[in-house]
Structures are given as C-alpha cells and as structure tokens.
C-alpha cells in the first residue's frame, strides 16, 4: 500500500494532471476576463462615441447653416477612442462635403495631433478678412442689426459676375431684429435658415467695441458665431416655426459648446413668437438671390457656397 502511495510514476502523473488543470483554468479564466473586459470596453466606448457624435452634430447643425455630420469612422482604444468625420451641407439640389475633421471621446480619450499652415485673406485692411472652408467655400459673414458697423459686406456684384446656372447660398443680415409676425416677407425659398438673436447684452457690447476699435475688414460676426435653424419647405407668412424652434433649443442643450448652453439659458423661457430673427440664409438662383438682396430690409449680403443647378 505504501509502495503505491510513493510510486514515483504516479506522483509525476498526478503533478502533470494538476498542471494541466491549472493551465486550463488559467486559460479559461483569462479568456473569460478578456471577453468580459472587451465587451465592457466596447459598451463604454460605444456609449461615449454616440454621446460625442450627438454633441458634435448638434454643434455643427447650430453653427453651419444646413450642415450636418454625414459620415463618421471610429477608432477605439481602451475606454475611448477617436472619430474621423465629414461635414456636409444640404445645398438644395445636392449635398456637398465641405470639411473633414476628428474628435476624441471616452474616459481615456485618444490624444489628437494636427499640423497645418495657411495664410490670411485681406490682412491689409483693404479687403474683408474672409475665412474659408476646406472645400474652398467662403465662411459667410453676419452683421448684427443692433451694432453699427463702418462698412457692410454686399456680394451683389460678385454674384452678378458669376456665370452658369447655379444655386447660391447667401446670408442676408436684416436692418433690425424682427419677430416672426413682423417679418417683411411673404415668402422665402425652400430651405431657409433663420438667424436667431441668442446674444446677451454683454456679448453685444463686445461686438460694439469690436466695431468701434477694429479695422472695418474684421468687424463682423463669423459664421460659427451665428446660431439658427432651418426649414426644408418654402416659408410663408403663416408658416408655423414652433417645432423647428423647439428643436433648435434642444440642439443648444445637446451641443458640447458652453456658449451654446449659455444661449439656451438666455432663450429657454422665450417661445417662437418672441424670438428675434436677425437674418436668414437663403438658397436660390441668381435672379432669386438678387431680388432678395435688393429688398430694403436687407443690410448686408454674404456669399457662401455655390453649386450647379441640376
């Protein structure tokens, strides 16, 4: 009996069997832990990816007339990652990709490095200091009706000089703020974007100071500082904008930008009947656009994108 207990072969066999069981257990536990952690990492990354997408898309819809994120490609890491995305603009006849960019997301977001170089336009003060989108279109300029500027941009001559059957995107700044019921228009073309007065008194004072102290070529409100919403159908005087305005307020809450949250706080108790419209972005043929530019309530006109009318 004692010989069996201390049999060397049996001991070695038992040890090997124990090792196999230990290895199998370690491998099984490792696979289980890996699967659980991978699922958890995927779930967390997917949650923050979706959250970041909604925040970024809200920002773009607010600051880019008829703009939206048209494509995203995510690259995930540990508890986060990064997303490459394209920004498109609906130009009535077609959607056009304007820019590509990226953002990070998650508990451990990816570190993004970007390099680039470029020049300035109109730095001598003899031309408007335009900025441009990646696809070459101008960023539109806006002029607040409660701020007095030395000069106002008007691209009527530029549009008249352009040949071809095109659809033009033009920002029209009004001569004063209008409530919807007081808008001096009976009809606006399909896809009109309404510029809403989201500015506080302190922001307006800043713009007034810039208009007084800056060179005229740099004194205007840039496209991404003008907030508003669009409608897809033709606008008539009796069009109900309540749904679109409420969606605009929701986007202000959703956007990642703190200034948009401040704008929401400024507007949250204001309904569409009391909202002030400072201007519009319209899309139309040369004849349609020129007719609107020459309306007496239009203070400035800034050309944005141009596409073929087919």
C-alpha atoms as a PDB file:
ATOM      1  CA  UNK A   1       0.000   0.000   0.000  1.00  0.00           C
ATOM      2  CA  UNK A   2       2.775   2.406   0.954  1.00  0.00           C
ATOM      3  CA  UNK A   3       4.627   1.484  -2.223  1.00  0.00           C
ATOM      4  CA  UNK A   4       1.636   2.681  -4.284  1.00  0.00           C
ATOM      5  CA  UNK A   5       1.466   5.987  -2.457  1.00  0.00           C
ATOM      6  CA  UNK A   6       5.084   6.785  -3.047  1.00  0.00           C
ATOM      7  CA  UNK A   7       5.265   5.372  -6.557  1.00  0.00           C
ATOM      8  CA  UNK A   8       7.257   7.941  -8.494  1.00  0.00           C
ATOM      9  CA  UNK A   9       5.362   7.457 -11.738  1.00  0.00           C
ATOM     10  CA  UNK A  10       2.017   8.034 -10.075  1.00  0.00           C
ATOM     11  CA  UNK A  11       3.292  11.162  -8.366  1.00  0.00           C
ATOM     12  CA  UNK A  12       4.590  12.574 -11.661  1.00  0.00           C
ATOM     13  CA  UNK A  13       1.325  11.690 -13.363  1.00  0.00           C
ATOM     14  CA  UNK A  14      -0.642  13.466 -10.649  1.00  0.00           C
ATOM     15  CA  UNK A  15       1.576  16.536 -10.900  1.00  0.00           C
ATOM     16  CA  UNK A  16       1.176  16.692 -14.687  1.00  0.00           C
ATOM     17  CA  UNK A  17      -2.567  16.296 -14.339  1.00  0.00           C
ATOM     18  CA  UNK A  18      -2.652  19.072 -11.759  1.00  0.00           C
ATOM     19  CA  UNK A  19      -0.596  21.335 -14.019  1.00  0.00           C
ATOM     20  CA  UNK A  20      -2.899  20.701 -16.953  1.00  0.00           C
ATOM     21  CA  UNK A  21      -5.921  21.540 -14.832  1.00  0.00           C
ATOM     22  CA  UNK A  22      -4.193  24.706 -13.589  1.00  0.00           C
ATOM     23  CA  UNK A  23      -3.239  25.779 -17.111  1.00  0.00           C
ATOM     24  CA  UNK A  24      -6.737  25.056 -18.417  1.00  0.00           C
ATOM     25  CA  UNK A  25      -8.242  27.008 -15.524  1.00  0.00           C
ATOM     26  CA  UNK A  26      -5.894  29.961 -16.107  1.00  0.00           C
ATOM     27  CA  UNK A  27      -6.586  29.976 -19.847  1.00  0.00           C
ATOM     28  CA  UNK A  28     -10.342  29.695 -19.301  1.00  0.00           C
ATOM     29  CA  UNK A  29     -10.368  32.466 -16.720  1.00  0.00           C
ATOM     30  CA  UNK A  30      -8.133  34.634 -18.923  1.00  0.00           C
ATOM     31  CA  UNK A  31     -10.430  34.156 -21.916  1.00  0.00           C
ATOM     32  CA  UNK A  32     -13.478  34.895 -19.773  1.00  0.00           C
ATOM     33  CA  UNK A  33     -11.878  38.026 -18.318  1.00  0.00           C
ATOM     34  CA  UNK A  34     -10.755  39.124 -21.793  1.00  0.00           C
ATOM     35  CA  UNK A  35     -14.257  38.638 -23.217  1.00  0.00           C
ATOM     36  CA  UNK A  36     -15.910  40.447 -20.312  1.00  0.00           C
ATOM     37  CA  UNK A  37     -13.415  43.335 -20.456  1.00  0.00           C
ATOM     38  CA  UNK A  38     -13.705  43.550 -24.255  1.00  0.00           C
ATOM     39  CA  UNK A  39     -17.489  43.680 -24.056  1.00  0.00           C
ATOM     40  CA  UNK A  40     -17.287  46.258 -21.279  1.00  0.00           C
ATOM     41  CA  UNK A  41     -14.731  48.325 -23.197  1.00  0.00           C
ATOM     42  CA  UNK A  42     -16.858  48.135 -26.353  1.00  0.00           C
ATOM     43  CA  UNK A  43     -20.016  49.142 -24.462  1.00  0.00           C
ATOM     44  CA  UNK A  44     -18.295  52.084 -22.745  1.00  0.00           C
ATOM     45  CA  UNK A  45     -16.594  53.219 -25.958  1.00  0.00           C
ATOM     46  CA  UNK A  46     -19.849  52.914 -27.924  1.00  0.00           C
ATOM     47  CA  UNK A  47     -21.732  54.948 -25.303  1.00  0.00           C
ATOM     48  CA  UNK A  48     -19.197  57.780 -25.314  1.00  0.00           C
ATOM     49  CA  UNK A  49     -18.865  57.610 -29.096  1.00  0.00           C
ATOM     50  CA  UNK A  50     -22.615  58.097 -29.544  1.00  0.00           C
ATOM     51  CA  UNK A  51     -22.672  60.861 -26.935  1.00  0.00           C
ATOM     52  CA  UNK A  52     -19.773  62.691 -28.601  1.00  0.00           C
ATOM     53  CA  UNK A  53     -21.401  62.278 -32.027  1.00  0.00           C
ATOM     54  CA  UNK A  54     -24.682  63.827 -30.845  1.00  0.00           C
ATOM     55  CA  UNK A  55     -22.848  66.726 -29.205  1.00  0.00           C
ATOM     56  CA  UNK A  56     -20.693  67.373 -32.266  1.00  0.00           C
ATOM     57  CA  UNK A  57     -23.573  67.031 -34.734  1.00  0.00           C
ATOM     58  CA  UNK A  58     -25.673  69.453 -32.654  1.00  0.00           C
ATOM     59  CA  UNK A  59     -22.804  71.960 -32.709  1.00  0.00           C
ATOM     60  CA  UNK A  60     -22.482  71.708 -36.488  1.00  0.00           C
ATOM     61  CA  UNK A  61     -26.221  71.980 -37.123  1.00  0.00           C
ATOM     62  CA  UNK A  62     -26.314  75.135 -34.986  1.00  0.00           C
ATOM     63  CA  UNK A  63     -23.277  76.877 -36.471  1.00  0.00           C
ATOM     64  CA  UNK A  64     -23.298  75.686 -40.087  1.00  0.00           C
ATOM     65  CA  UNK A  65     -26.482  76.557 -41.986  1.00  0.00           C
ATOM     66  CA  UNK A  66     -27.947  73.291 -43.260  1.00  0.00           C
ATOM     67  CA  UNK A  67     -24.786  71.466 -42.193  1.00  0.00           C
ATOM     68  CA  UNK A  68     -24.583  68.043 -40.557  1.00  0.00           C
ATOM     69  CA  UNK A  69     -22.198  65.141 -39.968  1.00  0.00           C
ATOM     70  CA  UNK A  70     -22.567  62.888 -42.981  1.00  0.00           C
ATOM     71  CA  UNK A  71     -20.048  60.172 -42.085  1.00  0.00           C
ATOM     72  CA  UNK A  72     -18.027  59.016 -39.083  1.00  0.00           C
ATOM     73  CA  UNK A  73     -15.331  56.348 -38.742  1.00  0.00           C
ATOM     74  CA  UNK A  74     -14.457  55.412 -35.151  1.00  0.00           C
ATOM     75  CA  UNK A  75     -11.157  54.066 -33.908  1.00  0.00           C
ATOM     76  CA  UNK A  76     -11.492  52.665 -30.396  1.00  0.00           C
ATOM     77  CA  UNK A  77      -8.827  52.073 -27.773  1.00  0.00           C
ATOM     78  CA  UNK A  78      -9.099  51.500 -24.033  1.00  0.00           C
ATOM     79  CA  UNK A  79     -12.293  53.095 -22.660  1.00  0.00           C
ATOM     80  CA  UNK A  80     -12.403  55.588 -25.507  1.00  0.00           C
ATOM     81  CA  UNK A  81     -11.072  56.432 -28.917  1.00  0.00           C
ATOM     82  CA  UNK A  82     -11.329  58.931 -31.729  1.00  0.00           C
ATOM     83  CA  UNK A  83     -13.646  59.566 -34.640  1.00  0.00           C
ATOM     84  CA  UNK A  84     -12.892  60.904 -38.113  1.00  0.00           C
ATOM     85  CA  UNK A  85     -15.918  62.631 -39.572  1.00  0.00           C
ATOM     86  CA  UNK A  86     -17.125  64.520 -42.635  1.00  0.00           C
ATOM     87  CA  UNK A  87     -19.283  67.634 -42.555  1.00  0.00           C
ATOM     88  CA  UNK A  88     -21.752  68.029 -45.415  1.00  0.00           C
ATOM     89  CA  UNK A  89     -24.119  70.829 -46.337  1.00  0.00           C
ATOM     90  CA  UNK A  90     -27.505  70.417 -47.986  1.00  0.00           C
ATOM     91  CA  UNK A  91     -27.428  72.822 -50.932  1.00  0.00           C
ATOM     92  CA  UNK A  92     -30.983  72.276 -52.098  1.00  0.00           C
ATOM     93  CA  UNK A  93     -30.048  70.358 -55.247  1.00  0.00           C
ATOM     94  CA  UNK A  94     -27.374  68.188 -53.660  1.00  0.00           C
ATOM     95  CA  UNK A  95     -25.375  67.612 -50.503  1.00  0.00           C
ATOM     96  CA  UNK A  96     -21.718  68.642 -50.629  1.00  0.00           C
ATOM     97  CA  UNK A  97     -18.900  67.507 -48.331  1.00  0.00           C
ATOM     98  CA  UNK A  98     -17.222  70.659 -47.027  1.00  0.00           C
ATOM     99  CA  UNK A  99     -14.774  69.587 -44.365  1.00  0.00           C
ATOM    100  CA  UNK A 100     -13.184  66.627 -42.617  1.00  0.00           C
ATOM    101  CA  UNK A 101     -12.106  66.647 -39.003  1.00  0.00           C
ATOM    102  CA  UNK A 102     -11.764  64.416 -35.952  1.00  0.00           C
ATOM    103  CA  UNK A 103     -12.608  64.381 -32.268  1.00  0.00           C
ATOM    104  CA  UNK A 104     -11.786  62.134 -29.319  1.00  0.00           C
ATOM    105  CA  UNK A 105     -14.181  60.564 -26.831  1.00  0.00           C
ATOM    106  CA  UNK A 106     -14.353  58.302 -23.789  1.00  0.00           C
ATOM    107  CA  UNK A 107     -12.988  58.020 -20.263  1.00  0.00           C
ATOM    108  CA  UNK A 108      -9.491  57.803 -21.747  1.00  0.00           C
ATOM    109  CA  UNK A 109      -9.837  59.779 -24.998  1.00  0.00           C
ATOM    110  CA  UNK A 110      -7.245  59.465 -27.719  1.00  0.00           C
ATOM    111  CA  UNK A 111      -4.650  62.217 -27.997  1.00  0.00           C
ATOM    112  CA  UNK A 112      -5.079  64.005 -31.324  1.00  0.00           C
ATOM    113  CA  UNK A 113      -2.221  65.827 -33.023  1.00  0.00           C
ATOM    114  CA  UNK A 114      -2.786  68.089 -36.001  1.00  0.00           C
ATOM    115  CA  UNK A 115      -0.428  70.200 -38.072  1.00  0.00           C
ATOM    116  CA  UNK A 116      -1.134  72.746 -40.743  1.00  0.00           C
ATOM    117  CA  UNK A 117      -0.294  76.116 -42.193  1.00  0.00           C
ATOM    118  CA  UNK A 118      -2.210  78.736 -44.073  1.00  0.00           C
ATOM    119  CA  UNK A 119      -2.442  82.386 -44.972  1.00  0.00           C
ATOM    120  CA  UNK A 120      -4.781  85.230 -44.139  1.00  0.00           C
ATOM    121  CA  UNK A 121      -7.045  86.986 -46.595  1.00  0.00           C
ATOM    122  CA  UNK A 122      -7.433  90.740 -46.574  1.00  0.00           C
ATOM    123  CA  UNK A 123      -4.796  91.421 -43.906  1.00  0.00           C
ATOM    124  CA  UNK A 124      -4.057  94.879 -45.316  1.00  0.00           C
ATOM    125  CA  UNK A 125      -7.493  96.169 -44.302  1.00  0.00           C
ATOM    126  CA  UNK A 126      -8.396  96.821 -47.933  1.00  0.00           C
ATOM    127  CA  UNK A 127     -10.465  93.643 -48.249  1.00  0.00           C
ATOM    128  CA  UNK A 128     -12.779  91.742 -45.963  1.00  0.00           C
ATOM    129  CA  UNK A 129     -10.884  89.209 -43.869  1.00  0.00           C
ATOM    130  CA  UNK A 130     -12.606  86.124 -45.186  1.00  0.00           C
ATOM    131  CA  UNK A 131     -12.010  82.632 -43.899  1.00  0.00           C
ATOM    132  CA  UNK A 132     -12.642  79.547 -45.986  1.00  0.00           C
ATOM    133  CA  UNK A 133     -13.932  76.027 -45.554  1.00  0.00           C
ATOM    134  CA  UNK A 134     -11.797  73.065 -46.581  1.00  0.00           C
ATOM    135  CA  UNK A 135     -13.623  72.774 -49.905  1.00  0.00           C
ATOM    136  CA  UNK A 136     -12.862  76.395 -50.822  1.00  0.00           C
ATOM    137  CA  UNK A 137     -16.213  77.998 -49.992  1.00  0.00           C
ATOM    138  CA  UNK A 138     -16.245  81.196 -48.006  1.00  0.00           C
ATOM    139  CA  UNK A 139     -17.487  81.237 -44.448  1.00  0.00           C
ATOM    140  CA  UNK A 140     -20.374  83.688 -44.502  1.00  0.00           C
ATOM    141  CA  UNK A 141     -20.325  86.973 -42.593  1.00  0.00           C
ATOM    142  CA  UNK A 142     -23.173  88.288 -40.452  1.00  0.00           C
ATOM    143  CA  UNK A 143     -23.905  91.814 -39.204  1.00  0.00           C
ATOM    144  CA  UNK A 144     -25.995  92.284 -36.066  1.00  0.00           C
ATOM    145  CA  UNK A 145     -28.678  94.957 -36.602  1.00  0.00           C
ATOM    146  CA  UNK A 146     -28.110  96.396 -33.101  1.00  0.00           C
ATOM    147  CA  UNK A 147     -24.436  97.057 -33.866  1.00  0.00           C
ATOM    148  CA  UNK A 148     -23.338  99.963 -36.093  1.00  0.00           C
ATOM    149  CA  UNK A 149     -20.541  98.960 -38.455  1.00  0.00           C
ATOM    150  CA  UNK A 150     -18.322 101.217 -40.534  1.00  0.00           C
ATOM    151  CA  UNK A 151     -18.960  99.055 -43.601  1.00  0.00           C
ATOM    152  CA  UNK A 152     -21.330  96.247 -44.530  1.00  0.00           C
ATOM    153  CA  UNK A 153     -20.422  93.452 -46.904  1.00  0.00           C
ATOM    154  CA  UNK A 154     -22.537  93.132 -50.039  1.00  0.00           C
ATOM    155  CA  UNK A 155     -21.717  90.414 -52.574  1.00  0.00           C
ATOM    156  CA  UNK A 156     -24.328  91.506 -55.109  1.00  0.00           C
ATOM    157  CA  UNK A 157     -21.675  92.450 -57.658  1.00  0.00           C
ATOM    158  CA  UNK A 158     -19.798  89.195 -57.166  1.00  0.00           C
ATOM    159  CA  UNK A 159     -22.948  87.140 -57.705  1.00  0.00           C
ATOM    160  CA  UNK A 160     -23.889  89.166 -60.793  1.00  0.00           C
ATOM    161  CA  UNK A 161     -20.471  88.473 -62.297  1.00  0.00           C
ATOM    162  CA  UNK A 162     -20.691  84.703 -61.872  1.00  0.00           C
ATOM    163  CA  UNK A 163     -21.747  82.691 -64.907  1.00  0.00           C
ATOM    164  CA  UNK A 164     -23.623  79.427 -65.190  1.00  0.00           C
ATOM    165  CA  UNK A 165     -26.898  78.019 -63.920  1.00  0.00           C
ATOM    166  CA  UNK A 166     -26.136  77.835 -60.199  1.00  0.00           C
ATOM    167  CA  UNK A 167     -27.727  77.652 -56.790  1.00  0.00           C
ATOM    168  CA  UNK A 168     -26.242  80.299 -54.491  1.00  0.00           C
ATOM    169  CA  UNK A 169     -26.082  80.250 -50.714  1.00  0.00           C
ATOM    170  CA  UNK A 170     -26.269  83.783 -49.296  1.00  0.00           C
ATOM    171  CA  UNK A 171     -26.508  85.141 -45.749  1.00  0.00           C
ATOM    172  CA  UNK A 172     -28.794  88.168 -45.542  1.00  0.00           C
ATOM    173  CA  UNK A 173     -28.453  90.347 -42.430  1.00  0.00           C
ATOM    174  CA  UNK A 174     -31.542  92.429 -41.625  1.00  0.00           C
ATOM    175  CA  UNK A 175     -31.735  96.138 -40.799  1.00  0.00           C
ATOM    176  CA  UNK A 176     -33.333  95.380 -37.412  1.00  0.00           C
ATOM    177  CA  UNK A 177     -34.482  92.389 -35.344  1.00  0.00           C
ATOM    178  CA  UNK A 178     -37.866  91.043 -36.421  1.00  0.00           C
ATOM    179  CA  UNK A 179     -40.392  88.862 -34.635  1.00  0.00           C
ATOM    180  CA  UNK A 180     -41.837  86.252 -36.972  1.00  0.00           C
ATOM    181  CA  UNK A 181     -45.171  88.074 -37.190  1.00  0.00           C
ATOM    182  CA  UNK A 182     -43.346  91.227 -38.277  1.00  0.00           C
ATOM    183  CA  UNK A 183     -41.082  89.723 -40.942  1.00  0.00           C
ATOM    184  CA  UNK A 184     -41.388  91.953 -44.033  1.00  0.00           C
ATOM    185  CA  UNK A 185     -41.576  88.988 -46.428  1.00  0.00           C
ATOM    186  CA  UNK A 186     -44.497  86.993 -47.709  1.00  0.00           C
ATOM    187  CA  UNK A 187     -42.392  84.093 -48.957  1.00  0.00           C
ATOM    188  CA  UNK A 188     -38.865  82.709 -48.678  1.00  0.00           C
ATOM    189  CA  UNK A 189     -37.360  79.925 -50.793  1.00  0.00           C
ATOM    190  CA  UNK A 190     -37.163  76.292 -49.779  1.00  0.00           C
ATOM    191  CA  UNK A 191     -34.511  75.508 -47.123  1.00  0.00           C
ATOM    192  CA  UNK A 192     -34.357  78.942 -45.494  1.00  0.00           C
ATOM    193  CA  UNK A 193     -32.122  79.125 -42.384  1.00  0.00           C
ATOM    194  CA  UNK A 194     -33.172  81.619 -39.701  1.00  0.00           C
ATOM    195  CA  UNK A 195     -30.533  83.506 -37.717  1.00  0.00           C
ATOM    196  CA  UNK A 196     -31.817  83.836 -34.140  1.00  0.00           C
ATOM    197  CA  UNK A 197     -30.819  86.534 -31.660  1.00  0.00           C
ATOM    198  CA  UNK A 198     -29.094  84.491 -28.941  1.00  0.00           C
ATOM    199  CA  UNK A 199     -26.803  87.308 -27.808  1.00  0.00           C
ATOM    200  CA  UNK A 200     -26.725  88.716 -24.286  1.00  0.00           C
ATOM    201  CA  UNK A 201     -26.189  92.403 -23.542  1.00  0.00           C
ATOM    202  CA  UNK A 202     -22.557  91.747 -22.643  1.00  0.00           C
ATOM    203  CA  UNK A 203     -21.960  89.936 -25.945  1.00  0.00           C
ATOM    204  CA  UNK A 204     -23.495  92.837 -27.866  1.00  0.00           C
ATOM    205  CA  UNK A 205     -21.260  95.280 -26.011  1.00  0.00           C
ATOM    206  CA  UNK A 206     -18.259  93.218 -27.103  1.00  0.00           C
ATOM    207  CA  UNK A 207     -19.400  93.350 -30.741  1.00  0.00           C
ATOM    208  CA  UNK A 208     -19.980  97.119 -30.490  1.00  0.00           C
ATOM    209  CA  UNK A 209     -16.487  97.583 -29.077  1.00  0.00           C
ATOM    210  CA  UNK A 210     -15.002  95.499 -31.879  1.00  0.00           C
ATOM    211  CA  UNK A 211     -16.918  97.548 -34.483  1.00  0.00           C
ATOM    212  CA  UNK A 212     -15.533 100.767 -32.952  1.00  0.00           C
ATOM    213  CA  UNK A 213     -11.945  99.654 -32.377  1.00  0.00           C
ATOM    214  CA  UNK A 214     -11.202  97.026 -35.040  1.00  0.00           C
ATOM    215  CA  UNK A 215     -10.413  97.650 -38.659  1.00  0.00           C
ATOM    216  CA  UNK A 216     -13.676  97.536 -40.618  1.00  0.00           C
ATOM    217  CA  UNK A 217     -12.461  94.498 -42.563  1.00  0.00           C
ATOM    218  CA  UNK A 218     -12.528  92.347 -39.407  1.00  0.00           C
ATOM    219  CA  UNK A 219     -15.670  93.782 -37.783  1.00  0.00           C
ATOM    220  CA  UNK A 220     -18.425  91.248 -38.372  1.00  0.00           C
ATOM    221  CA  UNK A 221     -19.896  88.106 -36.799  1.00  0.00           C
ATOM    222  CA  UNK A 222     -18.380  84.919 -38.119  1.00  0.00           C
ATOM    223  CA  UNK A 223     -20.477  82.067 -39.403  1.00  0.00           C
ATOM    224  CA  UNK A 224     -19.862  79.750 -36.455  1.00  0.00           C
ATOM    225  CA  UNK A 225     -20.950  82.503 -34.031  1.00  0.00           C
ATOM    226  CA  UNK A 226     -24.331  82.930 -35.727  1.00  0.00           C
ATOM    227  CA  UNK A 227     -26.830  80.379 -34.435  1.00  0.00           C
ATOM    228  CA  UNK A 228     -30.088  79.347 -36.031  1.00  0.00           C
ATOM    229  CA  UNK A 229     -32.271  76.673 -37.572  1.00  0.00           C
ATOM    230  CA  UNK A 230     -33.590  75.780 -40.999  1.00  0.00           C
ATOM    231  CA  UNK A 231     -36.832  74.605 -42.520  1.00  0.00           C
ATOM    232  CA  UNK A 232     -36.936  72.307 -45.540  1.00  0.00           C
ATOM    233  CA  UNK A 233     -40.094  73.670 -47.129  1.00  0.00           C
ATOM    234  CA  UNK A 234     -40.927  77.056 -48.630  1.00  0.00           C
ATOM    235  CA  UNK A 235     -41.580  79.694 -45.973  1.00  0.00           C
ATOM    236  CA  UNK A 236     -44.833  81.659 -45.995  1.00  0.00           C
ATOM    237  CA  UNK A 237     -46.009  84.352 -43.605  1.00  0.00           C
ATOM    238  CA  UNK A 238     -48.313  81.873 -41.838  1.00  0.00           C
ATOM    239  CA  UNK A 239     -45.723  79.058 -41.544  1.00  0.00           C
ATOM    240  CA  UNK A 240     -45.582  77.602 -38.040  1.00  0.00           C
ATOM    241  CA  UNK A 241     -41.961  77.596 -36.823  1.00  0.00           C
ATOM    242  CA  UNK A 242     -42.667  76.310 -33.311  1.00  0.00           C
ATOM    243  CA  UNK A 243     -41.439  72.736 -33.910  1.00  0.00           C
ATOM    244  CA  UNK A 244     -38.224  73.897 -35.612  1.00  0.00           C
ATOM    245  CA  UNK A 245     -37.577  76.458 -32.877  1.00  0.00           C
ATOM    246  CA  UNK A 246     -38.072  73.894 -30.094  1.00  0.00           C
ATOM    247  CA  UNK A 247     -35.661  71.559 -31.886  1.00  0.00           C
ATOM    248  CA  UNK A 248     -33.205  74.460 -32.047  1.00  0.00           C
ATOM    249  CA  UNK A 249     -33.440  74.854 -28.249  1.00  0.00           C
ATOM    250  CA  UNK A 250     -32.820  71.118 -27.855  1.00  0.00           C
ATOM    251  CA  UNK A 251     -29.704  71.350 -30.013  1.00  0.00           C
ATOM    252  CA  UNK A 252     -28.430  74.189 -27.818  1.00  0.00           C
ATOM    253  CA  UNK A 253     -28.717  71.875 -24.818  1.00  0.00           C
ATOM    254  CA  UNK A 254     -27.089  68.948 -26.634  1.00  0.00           C
ATOM    255  CA  UNK A 255     -24.088  70.764 -28.142  1.00  0.00           C
ATOM    256  CA  UNK A 256     -20.744  70.364 -26.382  1.00  0.00           C
ATOM    257  CA  UNK A 257     -20.061  74.132 -26.558  1.00  0.00           C
ATOM    258  CA  UNK A 258     -20.501  76.085 -23.313  1.00  0.00           C
ATOM    259  CA  UNK A 259     -21.584  79.186 -25.251  1.00  0.00           C
ATOM    260  CA  UNK A 260     -24.499  77.201 -26.645  1.00  0.00           C
ATOM    261  CA  UNK A 261     -25.570  76.206 -23.152  1.00  0.00           C
ATOM    262  CA  UNK A 262     -25.427  79.902 -22.214  1.00  0.00           C
ATOM    263  CA  UNK A 263     -27.559  80.731 -25.251  1.00  0.00           C
ATOM    264  CA  UNK A 264     -30.100  78.127 -24.121  1.00  0.00           C
ATOM    265  CA  UNK A 265     -30.263  79.690 -20.660  1.00  0.00           C
ATOM    266  CA  UNK A 266     -30.869  83.049 -22.349  1.00  0.00           C
ATOM    267  CA  UNK A 267     -33.679  81.712 -24.565  1.00  0.00           C
ATOM    268  CA  UNK A 268     -35.297  78.863 -22.608  1.00  0.00           C
ATOM    269  CA  UNK A 269     -38.236  80.971 -21.401  1.00  0.00           C
ATOM    270  CA  UNK A 270     -38.788  82.548 -24.810  1.00  0.00           C
ATOM    271  CA  UNK A 271     -41.160  81.000 -27.335  1.00  0.00           C
ATOM    272  CA  UNK A 272     -41.067  81.407 -31.098  1.00  0.00           C
ATOM    273  CA  UNK A 273     -43.496  84.349 -31.028  1.00  0.00           C
ATOM    274  CA  UNK A 274     -40.992  86.369 -29.004  1.00  0.00           C
ATOM    275  CA  UNK A 275     -37.798  85.144 -30.675  1.00  0.00           C
ATOM    276  CA  UNK A 276     -35.955  87.779 -32.689  1.00  0.00           C
ATOM    277  CA  UNK A 277     -34.839  86.909 -36.228  1.00  0.00           C
ATOM    278  CA  UNK A 278     -31.721  88.827 -37.249  1.00  0.00           C
ATOM    279  CA  UNK A 279     -31.373  87.495 -40.768  1.00  0.00           C
ATOM    280  CA  UNK A 280     -31.682  84.458 -42.985  1.00  0.00           C
ATOM    281  CA  UNK A 281     -29.542  82.229 -45.161  1.00  0.00           C
ATOM    282  CA  UNK A 282     -31.298  81.558 -48.442  1.00  0.00           C
ATOM    283  CA  UNK A 283     -30.649  79.257 -51.401  1.00  0.00           C
ATOM    284  CA  UNK A 284     -31.736  80.154 -54.889  1.00  0.00           C
ATOM    285  CA  UNK A 285     -30.889  81.028 -58.475  1.00  0.00           C
ATOM    286  CA  UNK A 286     -29.071  84.243 -59.363  1.00  0.00           C
ATOM    287  CA  UNK A 287     -32.334  86.028 -60.139  1.00  0.00           C
ATOM    288  CA  UNK A 288     -33.980  84.913 -56.884  1.00  0.00           C
ATOM    289  CA  UNK A 289     -30.977  85.914 -54.781  1.00  0.00           C
ATOM    290  CA  UNK A 290     -30.522  89.331 -56.420  1.00  0.00           C
ATOM    291  CA  UNK A 291     -34.193  90.138 -55.909  1.00  0.00           C
ATOM    292  CA  UNK A 292     -33.860  89.401 -52.175  1.00  0.00           C
ATOM    293  CA  UNK A 293     -30.577  91.308 -51.789  1.00  0.00           C
ATOM    294  CA  UNK A 294     -32.271  94.450 -53.085  1.00  0.00           C
ATOM    295  CA  UNK A 295     -35.049  94.352 -50.503  1.00  0.00           C
ATOM    296  CA  UNK A 296     -34.941  97.499 -48.313  1.00  0.00           C
ATOM    297  CA  UNK A 297     -34.757  95.498 -45.061  1.00  0.00           C
ATOM    298  CA  UNK A 298     -31.532  93.711 -46.123  1.00  0.00           C
ATOM    299  CA  UNK A 299     -28.471  95.386 -44.612  1.00  0.00           C
ATOM    300  CA  UNK A 300     -25.742  93.013 -45.826  1.00  0.00           C
ATOM    301  CA  UNK A 301     -25.335  90.028 -48.138  1.00  0.00           C
ATOM    302  CA  UNK A 302     -22.549  87.448 -47.859  1.00  0.00           C
ATOM    303  CA  UNK A 303     -21.986  84.669 -50.380  1.00  0.00           C
ATOM    304  CA  UNK A 304     -21.292  81.162 -49.096  1.00  0.00           C
ATOM    305  CA  UNK A 305     -21.461  78.057 -51.290  1.00  0.00           C
ATOM    306  CA  UNK A 306     -22.255  77.693 -54.990  1.00  0.00           C
ATOM    307  CA  UNK A 307     -23.391  74.501 -56.754  1.00  0.00           C
ATOM    308  CA  UNK A 308     -24.681  73.636 -60.214  1.00  0.00           C
ATOM    309  CA  UNK A 309     -28.442  73.834 -60.501  1.00  0.00           C
ATOM    310  CA  UNK A 310     -29.019  70.244 -61.534  1.00  0.00           C
END
